[in-house]
């Protein structure tokens, strides 16, 4: 196990997080898209709840 730990570098390029692109940043901050997704998720929840009752 120590041999494996010696080869792992904690700040190596393999351990970086993904950086969102410009399109993802836009979709996360776009109010119209967020409202649309909110409506779609609520409709899905209504369908699931209505099936269980």
N, C-alpha and C. Protein backbone atom coordinates (compact mmCIF):
# COMPACT_ATOMS: atom_id res chain seq x y z
N UNK A 1 0.81 -1.19 0.00
CA UNK A 1 0.00 0.00 0.00
C UNK A 1 0.86 1.26 0.00
N UNK A 2 1.99 1.22 0.69
CA UNK A 2 2.87 2.39 0.74
C UNK A 2 3.47 2.70 -0.62
N UNK A 3 3.69 1.66 -1.43
CA UNK A 3 4.23 1.90 -2.76
C UNK A 3 3.25 2.70 -3.61
N UNK A 4 1.97 2.39 -3.48
CA UNK A 4 0.95 3.12 -4.22
C UNK A 4 0.86 4.55 -3.72
N UNK A 5 0.88 4.75 -2.41
CA UNK A 5 0.79 6.08 -1.83
C UNK A 5 1.97 6.96 -2.23
N UNK A 6 3.13 6.37 -2.41
CA UNK A 6 4.30 7.14 -2.80
C UNK A 6 4.16 7.68 -4.22
N UNK A 7 3.46 6.96 -5.09
CA UNK A 7 3.30 7.40 -6.48
C UNK A 7 2.20 8.44 -6.65
N UNK A 8 1.28 8.54 -5.70
CA UNK A 8 0.17 9.48 -5.83
C UNK A 8 0.62 10.86 -5.37
N UNK A 9 0.44 11.83 -6.23
CA UNK A 9 0.77 13.21 -5.89
C UNK A 9 -0.56 13.97 -5.72
N UNK A 10 -0.82 14.54 -4.55
CA UNK A 10 -2.14 15.12 -4.30
C UNK A 10 -2.48 16.32 -5.17
N UNK A 11 -1.51 17.06 -5.65
CA UNK A 11 -1.80 18.24 -6.47
C UNK A 11 -1.44 18.02 -7.93
N UNK A 12 -1.50 16.79 -8.36
CA UNK A 12 -1.22 16.45 -9.74
C UNK A 12 -2.40 16.85 -10.61
N UNK A 13 -2.21 16.88 -11.92
CA UNK A 13 -3.28 17.26 -12.85
C UNK A 13 -4.48 16.31 -12.81
N UNK A 14 -4.27 15.08 -12.38
CA UNK A 14 -5.35 14.10 -12.33
C UNK A 14 -6.35 14.39 -11.22
N UNK A 15 -6.01 15.24 -10.29
CA UNK A 15 -6.87 15.49 -9.14
C UNK A 15 -7.58 16.83 -9.21
N UNK A 16 -7.56 17.49 -10.35
CA UNK A 16 -8.25 18.78 -10.47
C UNK A 16 -9.72 18.55 -10.75
N UNK A 17 -10.54 19.50 -10.36
CA UNK A 17 -11.97 19.40 -10.64
C UNK A 17 -12.25 19.94 -12.04
N UNK A 18 -13.39 19.57 -12.57
CA UNK A 18 -13.78 20.06 -13.88
C UNK A 18 -14.18 21.53 -13.78
N UNK A 19 -13.77 22.30 -14.74
CA UNK A 19 -14.14 23.72 -14.80
C UNK A 19 -15.25 23.85 -15.83
N UNK A 20 -16.41 24.42 -15.43
CA UNK A 20 -17.51 24.52 -16.40
C UNK A 20 -17.17 25.48 -17.53
N UNK A 21 -17.68 25.16 -18.69
CA UNK A 21 -17.45 26.00 -19.86
C UNK A 21 -18.39 27.20 -19.86
N UNK A 22 -18.29 28.01 -20.88
CA UNK A 22 -19.09 29.23 -20.94
C UNK A 22 -20.58 28.91 -21.10
N UNK A 23 -20.92 27.86 -21.87
CA UNK A 23 -22.32 27.50 -22.04
C UNK A 23 -22.94 27.02 -20.73
N UNK A 24 -22.22 26.24 -19.97
CA UNK A 24 -22.71 25.74 -18.68
C UNK A 24 -22.89 26.90 -17.70
N UNK A 25 -21.95 27.82 -17.69
CA UNK A 25 -22.08 28.99 -16.82
C UNK A 25 -23.31 29.81 -17.19
N UNK A 26 -23.55 29.96 -18.49
CA UNK A 26 -24.72 30.71 -18.94
C UNK A 26 -26.01 30.01 -18.51
N UNK A 27 -26.08 28.69 -18.69
CA UNK A 27 -27.30 27.96 -18.33
C UNK A 27 -27.55 27.99 -16.82
N UNK A 28 -26.50 28.02 -16.02
CA UNK A 28 -26.66 28.06 -14.57
C UNK A 28 -27.15 29.42 -14.09
N UNK A 29 -26.88 30.47 -14.84
CA UNK A 29 -27.25 31.81 -14.41
C UNK A 29 -28.44 32.39 -15.17
N UNK A 30 -28.91 31.71 -16.20
CA UNK A 30 -30.02 32.21 -17.02
C UNK A 30 -31.34 31.99 -16.28
N UNK A 31 -32.02 33.08 -15.96
CA UNK A 31 -33.26 33.02 -15.19
C UNK A 31 -34.38 32.32 -15.96
N UNK A 32 -34.46 32.54 -17.26
CA UNK A 32 -35.50 31.90 -18.08
C UNK A 32 -35.32 30.38 -18.06
N UNK A 33 -34.09 29.91 -18.20
CA UNK A 33 -33.82 28.46 -18.18
C UNK A 33 -34.16 27.88 -16.82
N UNK A 34 -33.82 28.59 -15.74
CA UNK A 34 -34.10 28.10 -14.40
C UNK A 34 -35.61 27.99 -14.15
N UNK A 35 -36.38 28.95 -14.62
CA UNK A 35 -37.84 28.89 -14.47
C UNK A 35 -38.39 27.72 -15.26
N UNK A 36 -37.90 27.52 -16.48
CA UNK A 36 -38.35 26.40 -17.30
C UNK A 36 -38.06 25.06 -16.62
N UNK A 37 -36.84 24.90 -16.10
CA UNK A 37 -36.48 23.66 -15.41
C UNK A 37 -37.32 23.45 -14.16
N UNK A 38 -37.61 24.53 -13.43
CA UNK A 38 -38.45 24.45 -12.24
C UNK A 38 -39.83 23.92 -12.60
N UNK A 39 -40.39 24.42 -13.68
CA UNK A 39 -41.72 23.97 -14.12
C UNK A 39 -41.68 22.50 -14.53
N UNK A 40 -40.66 22.10 -15.28
CA UNK A 40 -40.55 20.71 -15.74
C UNK A 40 -40.41 19.77 -14.56
N UNK A 41 -39.56 20.12 -13.59
CA UNK A 41 -39.38 19.26 -12.43
C UNK A 41 -40.66 19.16 -11.61
N UNK A 42 -41.40 20.26 -11.47
CA UNK A 42 -42.65 20.21 -10.73
C UNK A 42 -43.69 19.36 -11.43
N UNK A 43 -43.75 19.41 -12.74
CA UNK A 43 -44.69 18.56 -13.49
C UNK A 43 -44.33 17.09 -13.28
N UNK A 44 -43.04 16.76 -13.32
CA UNK A 44 -42.62 15.38 -13.07
C UNK A 44 -43.00 14.93 -11.67
N UNK A 45 -42.84 15.81 -10.69
CA UNK A 45 -43.20 15.46 -9.32
C UNK A 45 -44.71 15.25 -9.19
N UNK A 46 -45.50 16.07 -9.84
CA UNK A 46 -46.96 15.91 -9.81
C UNK A 46 -47.35 14.56 -10.40
N UNK A 47 -46.71 14.17 -11.49
CA UNK A 47 -47.02 12.88 -12.12
C UNK A 47 -46.67 11.74 -11.19
N UNK A 48 -45.52 11.78 -10.53
CA UNK A 48 -45.10 10.71 -9.62
C UNK A 48 -46.06 10.62 -8.44
N UNK A 49 -46.42 11.76 -7.87
CA UNK A 49 -47.31 11.77 -6.71
C UNK A 49 -48.70 11.30 -7.10
N UNK A 50 -49.17 11.69 -8.27
CA UNK A 50 -50.52 11.28 -8.70
C UNK A 50 -50.59 9.77 -8.96
N UNK A 51 -49.48 9.17 -9.39
CA UNK A 51 -49.46 7.73 -9.62
C UNK A 51 -49.52 6.96 -8.30
N UNK A 52 -48.99 7.55 -7.24
CA UNK A 52 -48.95 6.83 -5.97
C UNK A 52 -50.25 6.94 -5.20
N UNK A 53 -51.12 7.87 -5.55
CA UNK A 53 -52.37 8.02 -4.81
C UNK A 53 -53.54 7.43 -5.52
